[in-house]
Structure formats: C-alpha cells, structure tokens
Amino acid sequence: MLSDFEDKYLKLYRELKVQQWSNYFEEGDHDLNIIDERIYKLVSEYTNKIEALDSEGMITNLIIAKDKVDKDPNVSKLRNYIDNLENYNVNISKEVKEDNYKYQLVMANKMKKDVLKLMEIRNHLAMENGYDSYIDLVFKTNGINS
C-alpha cells in the first residue's frame, strides 16, 4: 500500500511542480486547483491506511496530514488566488508601481483580508485533524517540536 501511494503521490507532486514552474516562469496558464484537488483526493483515500512501522511510513503519514489541510479545496483555491498577484494589481497608480516600498504596502493591504482568511481556514482544518493550530501542524509535520 505504501509504495502504491508513493508512486501516485510523486507523479502528482511532480506534475504540480512542472505546472507551477510553467505558470511562474513561462507565462503558463495552468489551473493549479485541479492538481491540488487530485492530491487532496489521494491523501484523503490513504488517510489512516498506512502503518507507521518505520520512518518511511511515519513520514508518509506526516505528508498526508499536511496535505489534508494544504490541498483542501478551500485552502487551495484561496492560496492559488493569493499567489496570483494580478488579482490585486488593479487600480494602482504608475507612481506607486514605480516605488517598490509603496507598491509592497499597497499590495499587502489589498491582500490582507484574503491572507487572514487563509490563516483562519488552515487553523480550523488543522484543529479538525487533531492539531492545536496550523502552526502546530507545520511544526510537527516538519519534525520540529512546538
């Protein structure tokens, strides 16, 4: 079961990275929510099914736990929306765009509501999955004691 999950997961993960690269550096137009949803379905299918008998099984379960939150459709859609700066880059004067400091402040203010909502959703999902918070999930899935 573990090797089956690994094969499927790594194939999807690689596909996601290729699409991200294309979008960010090659003017691609891939809908990353589609691949995120496929990863979410895969990790949901394997939740609580892989025994943590060795380090490989333990690490796999940590990946599954983190992706149950990060690839959740609500998280994915909002995170991918936030990542696309064109969603916030409207009605900004040329003067502001030319001043990097002012531009970053304006963009931060435009993005603030969505970033806070993303934090709220991640925290809720992490707690639903047995963690104290999203930060607790991130620390534990990265081997850091919180």
Protein backbone atom coordinates (compact mmCIF):
# COMPACT_ATOMS: atom_id res chain seq x y z
CA MET A 1 0.00 0.00 0.00
CA LEU A 2 2.82 2.40 0.87
CA SER A 3 4.61 2.00 -2.47
CA ASP A 4 1.29 2.42 -4.31
CA PHE A 5 0.69 5.72 -2.50
CA GLU A 6 4.27 6.88 -3.11
CA ASP A 7 4.04 6.20 -6.84
CA LYS A 8 0.76 8.07 -7.23
CA TYR A 9 1.78 10.93 -4.95
CA LEU A 10 5.16 11.54 -6.54
CA LYS A 11 3.63 11.56 -10.01
CA LEU A 12 1.07 14.20 -8.95
CA TYR A 13 3.66 16.19 -6.99
CA ARG A 14 5.98 16.34 -10.00
CA GLU A 15 3.09 17.37 -12.25
CA LEU A 16 2.22 20.16 -9.80
CA LYS A 17 5.80 21.47 -9.75
CA VAL A 18 6.00 21.44 -13.56
CA GLN A 19 2.73 23.40 -13.79
CA GLN A 20 3.88 25.87 -11.13
CA TRP A 21 7.14 26.42 -13.00
CA SER A 22 5.24 26.97 -16.22
CA ASN A 23 2.85 29.46 -14.58
CA TYR A 24 5.50 31.45 -12.74
CA PHE A 25 8.33 31.49 -15.27
CA GLU A 26 6.93 30.62 -18.69
CA GLU A 27 3.64 32.54 -18.73
CA GLY A 28 1.70 29.28 -18.44
CA ASP A 29 -1.97 29.26 -17.56
CA HIS A 30 -2.45 26.03 -15.61
CA ASP A 31 -5.27 25.83 -13.08
CA LEU A 32 -3.33 24.57 -10.06
CA ASN A 33 -6.56 23.89 -8.21
CA ILE A 34 -7.15 20.87 -10.45
CA ILE A 35 -3.93 19.10 -9.48
CA ASP A 36 -4.32 20.19 -5.84
CA GLU A 37 -7.76 18.57 -5.82
CA ARG A 38 -6.31 15.34 -7.21
CA ILE A 39 -3.64 15.35 -4.48
CA TYR A 40 -6.31 16.05 -1.85
CA LYS A 41 -8.40 13.09 -3.04
CA LEU A 42 -5.35 10.85 -2.99
CA VAL A 43 -4.28 11.79 0.55
CA SER A 44 -7.89 11.51 1.73
CA GLU A 45 -8.06 8.00 0.28
CA TYR A 46 -4.91 6.96 2.16
CA THR A 47 -5.63 8.72 5.48
CA ASN A 48 -5.22 6.24 8.37
CA LYS A 49 -4.38 3.41 5.95
CA ILE A 50 -0.58 3.44 6.02
CA GLU A 51 1.02 1.87 9.05
CA ALA A 52 3.80 3.88 10.67
CA LEU A 53 6.03 0.87 11.27
CA ASP A 54 9.21 2.59 10.12
CA SER A 55 10.45 6.07 9.25
CA GLU A 56 9.08 5.83 5.70
CA GLY A 57 5.57 5.09 6.97
CA MET A 58 5.81 7.85 9.60
CA ILE A 59 6.99 10.43 7.07
CA THR A 60 4.27 9.41 4.62
CA ASN A 61 1.62 9.90 7.30
CA LEU A 62 3.04 13.37 8.06
CA ILE A 63 2.84 14.28 4.36
CA ILE A 64 -0.75 13.05 4.27
CA ALA A 65 -1.65 15.07 7.38
CA LYS A 66 -0.18 18.29 5.97
CA ASP A 67 -1.73 17.86 2.54
CA LYS A 68 -5.15 17.15 4.09
CA VAL A 69 -5.00 20.81 5.10
CA ASP A 70 -2.88 22.45 2.38
CA LYS A 71 -4.62 20.72 -0.54
CA ASP A 72 -8.13 21.10 0.87
CA PRO A 73 -10.16 22.70 -1.96
CA ASN A 74 -10.99 25.83 0.08
CA VAL A 75 -7.35 26.35 1.04
CA SER A 76 -6.08 25.56 -2.43
CA LYS A 77 -8.42 27.96 -4.20
CA LEU A 78 -7.67 30.83 -1.85
CA ARG A 79 -3.90 30.19 -1.76
CA ASN A 80 -3.71 29.99 -5.55
CA TYR A 81 -5.78 33.18 -5.82
CA ILE A 82 -3.41 34.96 -3.41
CA ASP A 83 -0.36 33.67 -5.31
CA ASN A 84 -1.60 35.34 -8.49
CA LEU A 85 -0.64 38.97 -7.89
CA GLU A 86 -2.62 40.04 -10.94
CA ASN A 87 -5.73 39.56 -8.77
CA TYR A 88 -4.59 42.52 -6.64
CA ASN A 89 -2.62 44.58 -9.15
CA VAL A 90 -5.56 46.68 -10.37
CA ASN A 91 -6.18 50.38 -9.82
CA ILE A 92 -2.63 51.09 -8.67
CA SER A 93 -1.12 54.29 -9.99
CA LYS A 94 2.02 54.31 -12.07
CA GLU A 95 3.70 56.39 -9.36
CA VAL A 96 3.04 53.70 -6.73
CA LYS A 97 4.13 50.88 -9.05
CA GLU A 98 7.46 52.65 -9.62
CA ASP A 99 8.16 52.96 -5.87
CA ASN A 100 8.81 49.41 -4.66
CA TYR A 101 8.19 50.26 -0.99
CA LYS A 102 4.85 51.97 -1.67
CA TYR A 103 3.86 49.20 -4.07
CA GLN A 104 4.52 46.49 -1.49
CA LEU A 105 2.46 48.38 1.12
CA VAL A 106 -0.48 48.80 -1.26
CA MET A 107 -0.35 45.15 -2.30
CA ALA A 108 -0.11 43.98 1.32
CA ASN A 109 -3.20 46.00 2.21
CA LYS A 110 -5.12 44.63 -0.78
CA MET A 111 -4.16 41.04 0.11
CA LYS A 112 -4.62 41.30 3.89
CA LYS A 113 -8.24 40.13 4.06
CA ASP A 114 -7.54 37.05 1.92
CA VAL A 115 -4.35 36.15 3.80
CA LEU A 116 -6.17 36.36 7.14
CA LYS A 117 -9.00 34.20 5.77
CA LEU A 118 -6.44 31.63 4.57
CA MET A 119 -4.88 31.55 8.04
CA GLU A 120 -8.32 31.07 9.59
CA ILE A 121 -9.26 28.19 7.27
CA ARG A 122 -5.91 26.44 7.76
CA ASN A 123 -6.17 26.74 11.55
CA HIS A 124 -9.69 25.33 11.53
CA LEU A 125 -8.74 22.37 9.34
CA ALA A 126 -5.61 21.64 11.37
CA MET A 127 -7.65 21.58 14.57
CA GLU A 128 -10.25 19.34 12.88
CA ASN A 129 -7.41 16.94 12.16
CA GLY A 130 -6.17 16.81 15.76
CA TYR A 131 -3.57 19.59 15.86
CA ASP A 132 -3.59 22.63 18.15
CA SER A 133 -3.25 25.03 15.19
CA TYR A 134 -1.90 25.23 11.67
CA ILE A 135 1.48 26.23 13.08
CA ASP A 136 1.41 23.12 15.29
CA LEU A 137 0.68 21.00 12.19
CA VAL A 138 3.54 22.58 10.24
CA PHE A 139 5.99 22.14 13.11
CA LYS A 140 5.03 18.53 13.77
CA THR A 141 4.99 17.52 10.11
CA ASN A 142 8.45 19.05 9.72
CA GLY A 143 9.87 17.33 12.79
CA ILE A 144 10.01 20.48 14.91
CA ASN A 145 8.74 20.30 18.46
CA SER A 146 6.35 23.15 19.11
